[in-house]
Amino acid sequence: MKNTKKQNEFPAGWNAARVKRVIAHHERQTDAEAAAENELAYRSTKATIMKVPVKLVPEV
């Protein structure tokens, strides 16, 4: 028997409307605004960014 339930295309808490809002936000940004937003992401105190060798990604 084939499963006819449609699988959600988006992560939990996301839907097509939210995706469209995020896309619109980024399309409206100037290059300077986008660069400033990227810089702020690196200064976050809630997450960290690390360089991980590709070979080790499955382990992380």
PDB file of N, CA and C in Angstrom:
ATOM      1  N   MET A   1       0.839  -1.175   0.000  1.00  0.00           N
ATOM      2  CA  MET A   1       0.000   0.000   0.000  1.00  0.00           C
ATOM      3  C   MET A   1       0.888   1.243   0.000  1.00  0.00           C
ATOM      4  N   LYS A   2       0.606   2.158  -0.892  1.00  0.00           N
ATOM      5  CA  LYS A   2       1.400   3.370  -1.028  1.00  0.00           C
ATOM      6  C   LYS A   2       0.964   4.411   0.010  1.00  0.00           C
ATOM      7  N   ASN A   3       1.954   5.046   0.639  1.00  0.00           N
ATOM      8  CA  ASN A   3       1.667   6.092   1.616  1.00  0.00           C
ATOM      9  C   ASN A   3       1.221   7.341   0.868  1.00  0.00           C
ATOM     10  N   THR A   4      -0.011   7.784   1.102  1.00  0.00           N
ATOM     11  CA  THR A   4      -0.544   8.932   0.375  1.00  0.00           C
ATOM     12  C   THR A   4      -0.451  10.227   1.162  1.00  0.00           C
ATOM     13  N   LYS A   5       0.018  10.155   2.413  1.00  0.00           N
ATOM     14  CA  LYS A   5       0.161  11.354   3.223  1.00  0.00           C
ATOM     15  C   LYS A   5       1.271  12.222   2.640  1.00  0.00           C
ATOM     16  N   LYS A   6       0.959  13.482   2.410  1.00  0.00           N
ATOM     17  CA  LYS A   6       1.953  14.402   1.855  1.00  0.00           C
ATOM     18  C   LYS A   6       2.977  14.754   2.932  1.00  0.00           C
ATOM     19  N   GLN A   7       4.237  14.579   2.607  1.00  0.00           N
ATOM     20  CA  GLN A   7       5.310  14.889   3.541  1.00  0.00           C
ATOM     21  C   GLN A   7       5.559  16.397   3.519  1.00  0.00           C
ATOM     22  N   ASN A   8       5.753  17.002   4.699  1.00  0.00           N
ATOM     23  CA  ASN A   8       6.032  18.425   4.795  1.00  0.00           C
ATOM     24  C   ASN A   8       7.364  18.714   4.103  1.00  0.00           C
ATOM     25  N   GLU A   9       7.379  19.732   3.275  1.00  0.00           N
ATOM     26  CA  GLU A   9       8.578  20.101   2.526  1.00  0.00           C
ATOM     27  C   GLU A   9       9.509  20.987   3.348  1.00  0.00           C
ATOM     28  N   PHE A  10       9.032  21.476   4.491  1.00  0.00           N
ATOM     29  CA  PHE A  10       9.770  22.465   5.270  1.00  0.00           C
ATOM     30  C   PHE A  10      10.110  21.929   6.657  1.00  0.00           C
ATOM     31  N   PRO A  11      11.159  22.496   7.266  1.00  0.00           N
ATOM     32  CA  PRO A  11      11.480  22.117   8.648  1.00  0.00           C
ATOM     33  C   PRO A  11      10.345  22.536   9.584  1.00  0.00           C
ATOM     34  N   ALA A  12      10.337  21.976  10.774  1.00  0.00           N
ATOM     35  CA  ALA A  12       9.319  22.327  11.761  1.00  0.00           C
ATOM     36  C   ALA A  12       9.279  23.835  11.980  1.00  0.00           C
ATOM     37  N   GLY A  13       8.083  24.390  11.987  1.00  0.00           N
ATOM     38  CA  GLY A  13       7.910  25.822  12.207  1.00  0.00           C
ATOM     39  C   GLY A  13       8.003  26.668  10.944  1.00  0.00           C
ATOM     40  N   TRP A  14       8.304  26.046   9.837  1.00  0.00           N
ATOM     41  CA  TRP A  14       8.428  26.772   8.570  1.00  0.00           C
ATOM     42  C   TRP A  14       7.295  26.365   7.640  1.00  0.00           C
ATOM     43  N   ASN A  15       6.927  27.300   6.756  1.00  0.00           N
ATOM     44  CA  ASN A  15       5.936  27.014   5.715  1.00  0.00           C
ATOM     45  C   ASN A  15       6.263  27.892   4.509  1.00  0.00           C
ATOM     46  N   ALA A  16       5.503  27.761   3.455  1.00  0.00           N
ATOM     47  CA  ALA A  16       5.789  28.501   2.211  1.00  0.00           C
ATOM     48  C   ALA A  16       5.752  30.008   2.439  1.00  0.00           C
ATOM     49  N   ALA A  17       4.825  30.482   3.247  1.00  0.00           N
ATOM     50  CA  ALA A  17       4.725  31.927   3.493  1.00  0.00           C
ATOM     51  C   ALA A  17       5.980  32.451   4.192  1.00  0.00           C
ATOM     52  N   ARG A  18       6.469  31.706   5.161  1.00  0.00           N
ATOM     53  CA  ARG A  18       7.675  32.132   5.877  1.00  0.00           C
ATOM     54  C   ARG A  18       8.883  32.146   4.945  1.00  0.00           C
ATOM     55  N   VAL A  19       8.990  31.136   4.113  1.00  0.00           N
ATOM     56  CA  VAL A  19      10.096  31.083   3.150  1.00  0.00           C
ATOM     57  C   VAL A  19      10.039  32.294   2.221  1.00  0.00           C
ATOM     58  N   LYS A  20       8.844  32.629   1.747  1.00  0.00           N
ATOM     59  CA  LYS A  20       8.695  33.795   0.846  1.00  0.00           C
ATOM     60  C   LYS A  20       9.093  35.085   1.548  1.00  0.00           C
ATOM     61  N   ARG A  21       8.757  35.219   2.845  1.00  0.00           N
ATOM     62  CA  ARG A  21       9.142  36.425   3.592  1.00  0.00           C
ATOM     63  C   ARG A  21      10.660  36.523   3.732  1.00  0.00           C
ATOM     64  N   VAL A  22      11.316  35.396   4.000  1.00  0.00           N
ATOM     65  CA  VAL A  22      12.779  35.404   4.136  1.00  0.00           C
ATOM     66  C   VAL A  22      13.434  35.766   2.804  1.00  0.00           C
ATOM     67  N   ILE A  23      12.949  35.187   1.719  1.00  0.00           N
ATOM     68  CA  ILE A  23      13.490  35.503   0.391  1.00  0.00           C
ATOM     69  C   ILE A  23      13.304  36.985   0.080  1.00  0.00           C
ATOM     70  N   ALA A  24      12.102  37.504   0.342  1.00  0.00           N
ATOM     71  CA  ALA A  24      11.828  38.925   0.074  1.00  0.00           C
ATOM     72  C   ALA A  24      12.761  39.813   0.893  1.00  0.00           C
ATOM     73  N   HIS A  25      12.995  39.459   2.151  1.00  0.00           N
ATOM     74  CA  HIS A  25      13.899  40.233   3.005  1.00  0.00           C
ATOM     75  C   HIS A  25      15.288  40.324   2.381  1.00  0.00           C
ATOM     76  N   HIS A  26      15.813  39.186   1.944  1.00  0.00           N
ATOM     77  CA  HIS A  26      17.168  39.180   1.380  1.00  0.00           C
ATOM     78  C   HIS A  26      17.226  39.874   0.022  1.00  0.00           C
ATOM     79  N   GLU A  27      16.174  39.801  -0.748  1.00  0.00           N
ATOM     80  CA  GLU A  27      16.161  40.470  -2.053  1.00  0.00           C
ATOM     81  C   GLU A  27      16.103  41.988  -1.914  1.00  0.00           C
ATOM     82  N   ARG A  28      15.536  42.487  -0.816  1.00  0.00           N
ATOM     83  CA  ARG A  28      15.434  43.937  -0.596  1.00  0.00           C
ATOM     84  C   ARG A  28      16.716  44.535  -0.038  1.00  0.00           C
ATOM     85  N   GLN A  29      17.584  43.709   0.528  1.00  0.00           N
ATOM     86  CA  GLN A  29      18.800  44.208   1.166  1.00  0.00           C
ATOM     87  C   GLN A  29      19.808  44.738   0.158  1.00  0.00           C
ATOM     88  N   THR A  30      20.478  45.790   0.568  1.00  0.00           N
ATOM     89  CA  THR A  30      21.630  46.254  -0.213  1.00  0.00           C
ATOM     90  C   THR A  30      22.802  45.343   0.140  1.00  0.00           C
ATOM     91  N   ASP A  31      23.875  45.429  -0.632  1.00  0.00           N
ATOM     92  CA  ASP A  31      25.071  44.634  -0.327  1.00  0.00           C
ATOM     93  C   ASP A  31      25.622  44.991   1.051  1.00  0.00           C
ATOM     94  N   ALA A  32      25.590  46.282   1.394  1.00  0.00           N
ATOM     95  CA  ALA A  32      26.104  46.727   2.695  1.00  0.00           C
ATOM     96  C   ALA A  32      25.246  46.162   3.828  1.00  0.00           C
ATOM     97  N   GLU A  33      23.929  46.160   3.664  1.00  0.00           N
ATOM     98  CA  GLU A  33      23.041  45.607   4.690  1.00  0.00           C
ATOM     99  C   GLU A  33      23.272  44.104   4.863  1.00  0.00           C
ATOM    100  N   ALA A  34      23.452  43.406   3.750  1.00  0.00           N
ATOM    101  CA  ALA A  34      23.699  41.958   3.820  1.00  0.00           C
ATOM    102  C   ALA A  34      25.015  41.674   4.533  1.00  0.00           C
ATOM    103  N   ALA A  35      26.043  42.470   4.216  1.00  0.00           N
ATOM    104  CA  ALA A  35      27.341  42.283   4.859  1.00  0.00           C
ATOM    105  C   ALA A  35      27.241  42.548   6.362  1.00  0.00           C
ATOM    106  N   ALA A  36      26.499  43.583   6.751  1.00  0.00           N
ATOM    107  CA  ALA A  36      26.328  43.898   8.172  1.00  0.00           C
ATOM    108  C   ALA A  36      25.589  42.769   8.888  1.00  0.00           C
ATOM    109  N   GLU A  37      24.575  42.213   8.245  1.00  0.00           N
ATOM    110  CA  GLU A  37      23.831  41.101   8.837  1.00  0.00           C
ATOM    111  C   GLU A  37      24.741  39.888   9.028  1.00  0.00           C
ATOM    112  N   ASN A  38      25.589  39.623   8.049  1.00  0.00           N
ATOM    113  CA  ASN A  38      26.540  38.503   8.157  1.00  0.00           C
ATOM    114  C   ASN A  38      27.517  38.722   9.309  1.00  0.00           C
ATOM    115  N   GLU A  39      28.015  39.937   9.451  1.00  0.00           N
ATOM    116  CA  GLU A  39      28.947  40.245  10.538  1.00  0.00           C
ATOM    117  C   GLU A  39      28.294  40.015  11.896  1.00  0.00           C
ATOM    118  N   LEU A  40      27.022  40.408  12.027  1.00  0.00           N
ATOM    119  CA  LEU A  40      26.317  40.206  13.292  1.00  0.00           C
ATOM    120  C   LEU A  40      26.184  38.726  13.628  1.00  0.00           C
ATOM    121  N   ALA A  41      26.011  37.907  12.626  1.00  0.00           N
ATOM    122  CA  ALA A  41      25.880  36.463  12.859  1.00  0.00           C
ATOM    123  C   ALA A  41      27.152  35.909  13.497  1.00  0.00           C
ATOM    124  N   TYR A  42      28.285  36.434  13.126  1.00  0.00           N
ATOM    125  CA  TYR A  42      29.555  35.955  13.691  1.00  0.00           C
ATOM    126  C   TYR A  42      29.748  36.412  15.134  1.00  0.00           C
ATOM    127  N   ARG A  43      28.995  37.425  15.538  1.00  0.00           N
ATOM    128  CA  ARG A  43      29.131  37.947  16.902  1.00  0.00           C
ATOM    129  C   ARG A  43      28.082  37.380  17.848  1.00  0.00           C
ATOM    130  N   SER A  44      27.283  36.465  17.391  1.00  0.00           N
ATOM    131  CA  SER A  44      26.217  35.883  18.203  1.00  0.00           C
ATOM    132  C   SER A  44      26.774  35.234  19.460  1.00  0.00           C
ATOM    133  N   THR A  45      26.058  35.370  20.560  1.00  0.00           N
ATOM    134  CA  THR A  45      26.445  34.698  21.802  1.00  0.00           C
ATOM    135  C   THR A  45      25.610  33.438  22.017  1.00  0.00           C
ATOM    136  N   LYS A  46      24.729  33.121  21.065  1.00  0.00           N
ATOM    137  CA  LYS A  46      23.865  31.949  21.190  1.00  0.00           C
ATOM    138  C   LYS A  46      24.313  30.785  20.325  1.00  0.00           C
ATOM    139  N   ALA A  47      25.258  31.030  19.446  1.00  0.00           N
ATOM    140  CA  ALA A  47      25.744  29.981  18.551  1.00  0.00           C
ATOM    141  C   ALA A  47      27.202  30.261  18.231  1.00  0.00           C
ATOM    142  N   THR A  48      27.853  29.259  17.681  1.00  0.00           N
ATOM    143  CA  THR A  48      29.246  29.445  17.296  1.00  0.00           C
ATOM    144  C   THR A  48      29.451  28.900  15.888  1.00  0.00           C
ATOM    145  N   ILE A  49      30.450  29.400  15.237  1.00  0.00           N
ATOM    146  CA  ILE A  49      30.795  28.951  13.892  1.00  0.00           C
ATOM    147  C   ILE A  49      32.194  28.371  13.969  1.00  0.00           C
ATOM    148  N   MET A  50      32.339  27.149  13.464  1.00  0.00           N
ATOM    149  CA  MET A  50      33.634  26.478  13.491  1.00  0.00           C
ATOM    150  C   MET A  50      33.975  25.943  12.117  1.00  0.00           C
ATOM    151  N   LYS A  51      35.245  25.831  11.883  1.00  0.00           N
ATOM    152  CA  LYS A  51      35.726  25.195  10.676  1.00  0.00           C
ATOM    153  C   LYS A  51      35.947  23.723  11.008  1.00  0.00           C
ATOM    154  N   VAL A  52      35.274  22.840  10.269  1.00  0.00           N
ATOM    155  CA  VAL A  52      35.392  21.404  10.506  1.00  0.00           C
ATOM    156  C   VAL A  52      35.812  20.745   9.198  1.00  0.00           C
ATOM    157  N   PRO A  53      36.849  19.927   9.222  1.00  0.00           N
ATOM    158  CA  PRO A  53      37.233  19.227   7.996  1.00  0.00           C
ATOM    159  C   PRO A  53      36.046  18.407   7.462  1.00  0.00           C
ATOM    160  N   VAL A  54      35.860  18.440   6.161  1.00  0.00           N
ATOM    161  CA  VAL A  54      34.727  17.766   5.518  1.00  0.00           C
ATOM    162  C   VAL A  54      34.638  16.312   5.949  1.00  0.00           C
ATOM    163  N   LYS A  55      35.764  15.638   6.044  1.00  0.00           N
ATOM    164  CA  LYS A  55      35.772  14.221   6.438  1.00  0.00           C
ATOM    165  C   LYS A  55      35.134  13.995   7.802  1.00  0.00           C
ATOM    166  N   LEU A  56      35.211  14.987   8.684  1.00  0.00           N
ATOM    167  CA  LEU A  56      34.706  14.833  10.051  1.00  0.00           C
ATOM    168  C   LEU A  56      33.260  15.279  10.220  1.00  0.00           C
ATOM    169  N   VAL A  57      32.680  15.913   9.242  1.00  0.00           N
ATOM    170  CA  VAL A  57      31.315  16.421   9.362  1.00  0.00           C
ATOM    171  C   VAL A  57      30.327  15.338   9.802  1.00  0.00           C
ATOM    172  N   PRO A  58      30.368  14.130   9.253  1.00  0.00           N
ATOM    173  CA  PRO A  58      29.422  13.106   9.723  1.00  0.00           C
ATOM    174  C   PRO A  58      29.567  12.794  11.214  1.00  0.00           C
ATOM    175  N   GLU A  59      30.752  12.956  11.753  1.00  0.00           N
ATOM    176  CA  GLU A  59      30.986  12.684  13.173  1.00  0.00           C
ATOM    177  C   GLU A  59      30.450  13.787  14.058  1.00  0.00           C
ATOM    178  N   VAL A  60      30.449  15.003  13.524  1.00  0.00           N
ATOM    179  CA  VAL A  60      29.970  16.157  14.299  1.00  0.00           C
ATOM    180  C   VAL A  60      28.469  16.111  14.350  1.00  0.00           C
TER     181      VAL A  60
END
